[in-house]
């Protein structure tokens, strides 16, 4: 019978290089995604702030709870 318990030391070294390259790539991807999420959150916060007002002269509509909407919110 053939002995399939062979030791391959070079394959382990190669997989470590691939693993470190993959880890660096995924860290870059996750970093880019987190910056994108931060930009999206800031844009949503700014748009929600621009959609309502407390000044009746800028209001175009009023909701049932008394919130005044600007032209962006209505």
PDB file of N, CA and C in Angstrom:
ATOM      1  N   UNK A   1       0.834  -1.180   0.000  1.00  0.00           N
ATOM      2  CA  UNK A   1       0.000   0.000   0.000  1.00  0.00           C
ATOM      3  C   UNK A   1       0.884   1.251   0.000  1.00  0.00           C
ATOM      4  N   UNK A   2       0.337   2.272  -0.541  1.00  0.00           N
ATOM      5  CA  UNK A   2       1.078   3.528  -0.614  1.00  0.00           C
ATOM      6  C   UNK A   2       0.986   4.265   0.713  1.00  0.00           C
ATOM      7  N   UNK A   3       2.069   4.956   1.048  1.00  0.00           N
ATOM      8  CA  UNK A   3       2.103   5.745   2.279  1.00  0.00           C
ATOM      9  C   UNK A   3       1.721   7.187   1.920  1.00  0.00           C
ATOM     10  N   UNK A   4       0.542   7.619   2.344  1.00  0.00           N
ATOM     11  CA  UNK A   4       0.057   8.955   2.007  1.00  0.00           C
ATOM     12  C   UNK A   4       0.373   9.992   3.080  1.00  0.00           C
ATOM     13  N   UNK A   5       1.186   9.633   4.069  1.00  0.00           N
ATOM     14  CA  UNK A   5       1.544  10.562   5.141  1.00  0.00           C
ATOM     15  C   UNK A   5       2.836  11.292   4.784  1.00  0.00           C
ATOM     16  N   UNK A   6       2.836  12.009   3.703  1.00  0.00           N
ATOM     17  CA  UNK A   6       4.034  12.735   3.287  1.00  0.00           C
ATOM     18  C   UNK A   6       4.040  14.118   3.921  1.00  0.00           C
ATOM     19  N   UNK A   7       5.224  14.622   4.173  1.00  0.00           N
ATOM     20  CA  UNK A   7       5.380  15.944   4.789  1.00  0.00           C
ATOM     21  C   UNK A   7       5.802  16.918   3.695  1.00  0.00           C
ATOM     22  N   UNK A   8       5.049  17.955   3.529  1.00  0.00           N
ATOM     23  CA  UNK A   8       5.350  18.971   2.522  1.00  0.00           C
ATOM     24  C   UNK A   8       5.543  20.296   3.233  1.00  0.00           C
ATOM     25  N   UNK A   9       6.760  20.666   3.474  1.00  0.00           N
ATOM     26  CA  UNK A   9       7.040  21.893   4.215  1.00  0.00           C
ATOM     27  C   UNK A   9       6.850  23.138   3.352  1.00  0.00           C
ATOM     28  N   UNK A  10       7.085  23.043   2.063  1.00  0.00           N
ATOM     29  CA  UNK A  10       6.964  24.225   1.210  1.00  0.00           C
ATOM     30  C   UNK A  10       5.510  24.654   1.029  1.00  0.00           C
ATOM     31  N   UNK A  11       4.583  23.729   1.078  1.00  0.00           N
ATOM     32  CA  UNK A  11       3.172  24.085   0.915  1.00  0.00           C
ATOM     33  C   UNK A  11       2.680  24.902   2.095  1.00  0.00           C
ATOM     34  N   UNK A  12       3.167  24.597   3.290  1.00  0.00           N
ATOM     35  CA  UNK A  12       2.772  25.366   4.470  1.00  0.00           C
ATOM     36  C   UNK A  12       3.264  26.794   4.394  1.00  0.00           C
ATOM     37  N   UNK A  13       4.489  26.978   3.914  1.00  0.00           N
ATOM     38  CA  UNK A  13       5.033  28.327   3.778  1.00  0.00           C
ATOM     39  C   UNK A  13       4.262  29.105   2.721  1.00  0.00           C
ATOM     40  N   UNK A  14       3.881  28.443   1.651  1.00  0.00           N
ATOM     41  CA  UNK A  14       3.139  29.115   0.594  1.00  0.00           C
ATOM     42  C   UNK A  14       1.745  29.512   1.073  1.00  0.00           C
ATOM     43  N   UNK A  15       1.101  28.672   1.866  1.00  0.00           N
ATOM     44  CA  UNK A  15      -0.231  29.012   2.349  1.00  0.00           C
ATOM     45  C   UNK A  15      -0.183  30.174   3.331  1.00  0.00           C
ATOM     46  N   UNK A  16       0.922  30.316   4.082  1.00  0.00           N
ATOM     47  CA  UNK A  16       1.051  31.462   4.985  1.00  0.00           C
ATOM     48  C   UNK A  16       1.171  32.759   4.199  1.00  0.00           C
ATOM     49  N   UNK A  17       1.865  32.720   3.071  1.00  0.00           N
ATOM     50  CA  UNK A  17       1.982  33.906   2.220  1.00  0.00           C
ATOM     51  C   UNK A  17       0.622  34.260   1.640  1.00  0.00           C
ATOM     52  N   UNK A  18      -0.111  33.267   1.188  1.00  0.00           N
ATOM     53  CA  UNK A  18      -1.450  33.503   0.646  1.00  0.00           C
ATOM     54  C   UNK A  18      -2.372  34.028   1.738  1.00  0.00           C
ATOM     55  N   UNK A  19      -2.297  33.449   2.940  1.00  0.00           N
ATOM     56  CA  UNK A  19      -3.148  33.896   4.035  1.00  0.00           C
ATOM     57  C   UNK A  19      -2.850  35.336   4.427  1.00  0.00           C
ATOM     58  N   UNK A  20      -1.570  35.723   4.473  1.00  0.00           N
ATOM     59  CA  UNK A  20      -1.246  37.097   4.842  1.00  0.00           C
ATOM     60  C   UNK A  20      -1.679  38.067   3.751  1.00  0.00           C
ATOM     61  N   UNK A  21      -1.564  37.656   2.487  1.00  0.00           N
ATOM     62  CA  UNK A  21      -2.034  38.509   1.395  1.00  0.00           C
ATOM     63  C   UNK A  21      -3.540  38.665   1.410  1.00  0.00           C
ATOM     64  N   UNK A  22      -4.237  37.573   1.692  1.00  0.00           N
ATOM     65  CA  UNK A  22      -5.698  37.629   1.780  1.00  0.00           C
ATOM     66  C   UNK A  22      -6.131  38.495   2.952  1.00  0.00           C
ATOM     67  N   UNK A  23      -5.429  38.370   4.069  1.00  0.00           N
ATOM     68  CA  UNK A  23      -5.770  39.184   5.243  1.00  0.00           C
ATOM     69  C   UNK A  23      -5.561  40.667   4.950  1.00  0.00           C
ATOM     70  N   UNK A  24      -4.471  41.020   4.292  1.00  0.00           N
ATOM     71  CA  UNK A  24      -4.222  42.419   3.946  1.00  0.00           C
ATOM     72  C   UNK A  24      -5.301  42.941   3.004  1.00  0.00           C
ATOM     73  N   UNK A  25      -5.687  42.128   2.037  1.00  0.00           N
ATOM     74  CA  UNK A  25      -6.738  42.536   1.094  1.00  0.00           C
ATOM     75  C   UNK A  25      -8.070  42.740   1.811  1.00  0.00           C
ATOM     76  N   UNK A  26      -8.438  41.815   2.681  1.00  0.00           N
ATOM     77  CA  UNK A  26      -9.721  41.930   3.379  1.00  0.00           C
ATOM     78  C   UNK A  26      -9.712  43.104   4.354  1.00  0.00           C
ATOM     79  N   UNK A  27      -8.572  43.396   4.996  1.00  0.00           N
ATOM     80  CA  UNK A  27      -8.489  44.577   5.856  1.00  0.00           C
ATOM     81  C   UNK A  27      -8.705  45.850   5.049  1.00  0.00           C
ATOM     82  N   UNK A  28      -8.172  45.884   3.832  1.00  0.00           N
ATOM     83  CA  UNK A  28      -8.385  47.039   2.962  1.00  0.00           C
ATOM     84  C   UNK A  28      -9.857  47.158   2.572  1.00  0.00           C
ATOM     85  N   UNK A  29     -10.482  46.036   2.248  1.00  0.00           N
ATOM     86  CA  UNK A  29     -11.906  46.036   1.881  1.00  0.00           C
ATOM     87  C   UNK A  29     -12.756  46.506   3.052  1.00  0.00           C
ATOM     88  N   UNK A  30     -12.505  45.969   4.245  1.00  0.00           N
ATOM     89  CA  UNK A  30     -13.294  46.356   5.414  1.00  0.00           C
ATOM     90  C   UNK A  30     -13.059  47.814   5.785  1.00  0.00           C
ATOM     91  N   UNK A  31     -11.862  48.304   5.621  1.00  0.00           N
ATOM     92  CA  UNK A  31     -11.587  49.712   5.875  1.00  0.00           C
ATOM     93  C   UNK A  31     -12.353  50.613   4.929  1.00  0.00           C
ATOM     94  N   UNK A  32     -12.365  50.251   3.653  1.00  0.00           N
ATOM     95  CA  UNK A  32     -13.105  51.026   2.659  1.00  0.00           C
ATOM     96  C   UNK A  32     -14.606  50.990   2.938  1.00  0.00           C
ATOM     97  N   UNK A  33     -15.104  49.828   3.329  1.00  0.00           N
ATOM     98  CA  UNK A  33     -16.531  49.702   3.635  1.00  0.00           C
ATOM     99  C   UNK A  33     -16.909  50.540   4.858  1.00  0.00           C
ATOM    100  N   UNK A  34     -16.044  50.590   5.859  1.00  0.00           N
ATOM    101  CA  UNK A  34     -16.371  51.372   7.053  1.00  0.00           C
ATOM    102  C   UNK A  34     -16.374  52.866   6.744  1.00  0.00           C
ATOM    103  N   UNK A  35     -15.479  53.318   5.888  1.00  0.00           N
ATOM    104  CA  UNK A  35     -15.495  54.728   5.478  1.00  0.00           C
ATOM    105  C   UNK A  35     -16.767  55.028   4.689  1.00  0.00           C
ATOM    106  N   UNK A  36     -17.178  54.115   3.832  1.00  0.00           N
ATOM    107  CA  UNK A  36     -18.421  54.291   3.080  1.00  0.00           C
ATOM    108  C   UNK A  36     -19.641  54.343   3.983  1.00  0.00           C
ATOM    109  N   UNK A  37     -19.657  53.499   5.006  1.00  0.00           N
ATOM    110  CA  UNK A  37     -20.777  53.516   5.960  1.00  0.00           C
ATOM    111  C   UNK A  37     -20.810  54.831   6.733  1.00  0.00           C
ATOM    112  N   UNK A  38     -19.642  55.358   7.095  1.00  0.00           N
ATOM    113  CA  UNK A  38     -19.584  56.633   7.808  1.00  0.00           C
ATOM    114  C   UNK A  38     -20.097  57.770   6.929  1.00  0.00           C
ATOM    115  N   UNK A  39     -19.704  57.787   5.675  1.00  0.00           N
ATOM    116  CA  UNK A  39     -20.186  58.818   4.748  1.00  0.00           C
ATOM    117  C   UNK A  39     -21.696  58.709   4.561  1.00  0.00           C
ATOM    118  N   UNK A  40     -22.213  57.494   4.449  1.00  0.00           N
ATOM    119  CA  UNK A  40     -23.654  57.283   4.304  1.00  0.00           C
ATOM    120  C   UNK A  40     -24.403  57.754   5.539  1.00  0.00           C
ATOM    121  N   UNK A  41     -23.872  57.475   6.719  1.00  0.00           N
ATOM    122  CA  UNK A  41     -24.519  57.907   7.960  1.00  0.00           C
ATOM    123  C   UNK A  41     -24.544  59.429   8.063  1.00  0.00           C
ATOM    124  N   UNK A  42     -23.448  60.078   7.705  1.00  0.00           N
ATOM    125  CA  UNK A  42     -23.413  61.545   7.750  1.00  0.00           C
ATOM    126  C   UNK A  42     -24.376  62.162   6.737  1.00  0.00           C
ATOM    127  N   UNK A  43     -24.475  61.576   5.564  1.00  0.00           N
ATOM    128  CA  UNK A  43     -25.410  62.085   4.557  1.00  0.00           C
ATOM    129  C   UNK A  43     -26.851  61.914   5.019  1.00  0.00           C
ATOM    130  N   UNK A  44     -27.178  60.775   5.612  1.00  0.00           N
ATOM    131  CA  UNK A  44     -28.540  60.547   6.111  1.00  0.00           C
ATOM    132  C   UNK A  44     -28.871  61.511   7.241  1.00  0.00           C
ATOM    133  N   UNK A  45     -27.911  61.750   8.125  1.00  0.00           N
ATOM    134  CA  UNK A  45     -28.134  62.683   9.237  1.00  0.00           C
ATOM    135  C   UNK A  45     -28.365  64.100   8.701  1.00  0.00           C
ATOM    136  N   UNK A  46     -27.578  64.518   7.712  1.00  0.00           N
ATOM    137  CA  UNK A  46     -27.726  65.860   7.153  1.00  0.00           C
ATOM    138  C   UNK A  46     -29.054  66.013   6.422  1.00  0.00           C
ATOM    139  N   UNK A  47     -29.450  65.031   5.656  1.00  0.00           N
ATOM    140  CA  UNK A  47     -30.715  65.110   4.913  1.00  0.00           C
ATOM    141  C   UNK A  47     -31.904  65.108   5.863  1.00  0.00           C
ATOM    142  N   UNK A  48     -31.835  64.317   6.932  1.00  0.00           N
ATOM    143  CA  UNK A  48     -32.951  64.317   7.885  1.00  0.00           C
ATOM    144  C   UNK A  48     -33.045  65.654   8.611  1.00  0.00           C
ATOM    145  N   UNK A  49     -31.919  66.302   8.833  1.00  0.00           N
ATOM    146  CA  UNK A  49     -31.940  67.622   9.457  1.00  0.00           C
ATOM    147  C   UNK A  49     -32.469  68.696   8.525  1.00  0.00           C
ATOM    148  N   UNK A  50     -32.247  68.551   7.240  1.00  0.00           N
ATOM    149  CA  UNK A  50     -32.727  69.532   6.268  1.00  0.00           C
ATOM    150  C   UNK A  50     -34.200  69.350   5.931  1.00  0.00           C
ATOM    151  N   UNK A  51     -34.764  68.212   6.257  1.00  0.00           N
ATOM    152  CA  UNK A  51     -36.150  67.924   5.888  1.00  0.00           C
ATOM    153  C   UNK A  51     -37.157  68.547   6.844  1.00  0.00           C
ATOM    154  N   UNK A  52     -36.732  68.898   8.062  1.00  0.00           N
ATOM    155  CA  UNK A  52     -37.653  69.487   9.044  1.00  0.00           C
ATOM    156  C   UNK A  52     -37.144  70.849   9.482  1.00  0.00           C
ATOM    157  N   UNK A  53     -38.059  71.667   9.997  1.00  0.00           N
ATOM    158  CA  UNK A  53     -37.702  72.997  10.463  1.00  0.00           C
ATOM    159  C   UNK A  53     -38.561  73.369  11.664  1.00  0.00           C
ATOM    160  N   UNK A  54     -38.117  74.374  12.391  1.00  0.00           N
ATOM    161  CA  UNK A  54     -38.919  74.913  13.494  1.00  0.00           C
ATOM    162  C   UNK A  54     -39.486  76.284  13.138  1.00  0.00           C
ATOM    163  N   UNK A  55     -39.068  76.822  11.994  1.00  0.00           N
ATOM    164  CA  UNK A  55     -39.532  78.132  11.547  1.00  0.00           C
ATOM    165  C   UNK A  55     -40.725  77.958  10.605  1.00  0.00           C
ATOM    166  N   UNK A  56     -41.903  78.474  10.976  1.00  0.00           N
ATOM    167  CA  UNK A  56     -43.095  78.303  10.131  1.00  0.00           C
ATOM    168  C   UNK A  56     -42.996  78.983   8.763  1.00  0.00           C
ATOM    169  N   UNK A  57     -42.114  79.977   8.607  1.00  0.00           N
ATOM    170  CA  UNK A  57     -42.007  80.650   7.309  1.00  0.00           C
ATOM    171  C   UNK A  57     -41.348  79.758   6.250  1.00  0.00           C
ATOM    172  N   UNK A  58     -40.530  78.817   6.673  1.00  0.00           N
ATOM    173  CA  UNK A  58     -39.882  77.894   5.735  1.00  0.00           C
ATOM    174  C   UNK A  58     -40.666  76.602   5.544  1.00  0.00           C
ATOM    175  N   UNK A  59     -41.732  76.420   6.286  1.00  0.00           N
ATOM    176  CA  UNK A  59     -42.489  75.168   6.236  1.00  0.00           C
ATOM    177  C   UNK A  59     -43.425  75.149   5.038  1.00  0.00           C
ATOM    178  N   UNK A  60     -43.511  74.001   4.398  1.00  0.00           N
ATOM    179  CA  UNK A  60     -44.459  73.819   3.301  1.00  0.00           C
ATOM    180  C   UNK A  60     -45.581  72.875   3.696  1.00  0.00           C
ATOM    181  N   UNK A  61     -45.379  72.101   4.749  1.00  0.00           N
ATOM    182  CA  UNK A  61     -46.398  71.160   5.219  1.00  0.00           C
ATOM    183  C   UNK A  61     -46.191  70.917   6.707  1.00  0.00           C
ATOM    184  N   UNK A  62     -47.267  70.461   7.345  1.00  0.00           N
ATOM    185  CA  UNK A  62     -47.193  70.138   8.764  1.00  0.00           C
ATOM    186  C   UNK A  62     -47.726  68.728   8.975  1.00  0.00           C
ATOM    187  N   UNK A  63     -46.965  67.954   9.730  1.00  0.00           N
ATOM    188  CA  UNK A  63     -47.387  66.587  10.022  1.00  0.00           C
ATOM    189  C   UNK A  63     -48.364  66.594  11.185  1.00  0.00           C
ATOM    190  N   UNK A  64     -48.995  65.460  11.441  1.00  0.00           N
ATOM    191  CA  UNK A  64     -49.996  65.355  12.501  1.00  0.00           C
ATOM    192  C   UNK A  64     -49.394  65.599  13.881  1.00  0.00           C
ATOM    193  N   UNK A  65     -48.118  65.272  14.068  1.00  0.00           N
ATOM    194  CA  UNK A  65     -47.500  65.467  15.379  1.00  0.00           C
ATOM    195  C   UNK A  65     -46.930  66.870  15.552  1.00  0.00           C
ATOM    196  N   UNK A  66     -47.120  67.745  14.588  1.00  0.00           N
ATOM    197  CA  UNK A  66     -46.681  69.125  14.709  1.00  0.00           C
ATOM    198  C   UNK A  66     -45.335  69.411  14.063  1.00  0.00           C
ATOM    199  N   UNK A  67     -44.693  68.432  13.513  1.00  0.00           N
ATOM    200  CA  UNK A  67     -43.407  68.636  12.853  1.00  0.00           C
ATOM    201  C   UNK A  67     -43.619  69.390  11.551  1.00  0.00           C
ATOM    202  N   UNK A  68     -42.830  70.428  11.348  1.00  0.00           N
ATOM    203  CA  UNK A  68     -42.927  71.230  10.133  1.00  0.00           C
ATOM    204  C   UNK A  68     -41.936  70.706   9.100  1.00  0.00           C
ATOM    205  N   UNK A  69     -42.411  70.493   7.892  1.00  0.00           N
ATOM    206  CA  UNK A  69     -41.573  69.963   6.822  1.00  0.00           C
ATOM    207  C   UNK A  69     -41.163  71.066   5.863  1.00  0.00           C
ATOM    208  N   UNK A  70     -39.931  71.012   5.410  1.00  0.00           N
ATOM    209  CA  UNK A  70     -39.465  71.933   4.376  1.00  0.00           C
ATOM    210  C   UNK A  70     -39.851  71.362   3.009  1.00  0.00           C
ATOM    211  N   UNK A  71     -39.478  72.065   1.952  1.00  0.00           N
ATOM    212  CA  UNK A  71     -39.789  71.559   0.612  1.00  0.00           C
ATOM    213  C   UNK A  71     -39.030  70.261   0.322  1.00  0.00           C
ATOM    214  N   UNK A  72     -37.908  70.044   0.981  1.00  0.00           N
ATOM    215  CA  UNK A  72     -37.175  68.792   0.816  1.00  0.00           C
ATOM    216  C   UNK A  72     -37.904  67.632   1.485  1.00  0.00           C
ATOM    217  N   UNK A  73     -38.587  67.897   2.596  1.00  0.00           N
ATOM    218  CA  UNK A  73     -39.260  66.836   3.337  1.00  0.00           C
ATOM    219  C   UNK A  73     -40.672  66.533   2.886  1.00  0.00           C
ATOM    220  N   UNK A  74     -41.271  67.434   2.118  1.00  0.00           N
ATOM    221  CA  UNK A  74     -42.675  67.192   1.731  1.00  0.00           C
ATOM    222  C   UNK A  74     -42.839  66.639   0.359  1.00  0.00           C
TER     223      UNK A  74
END
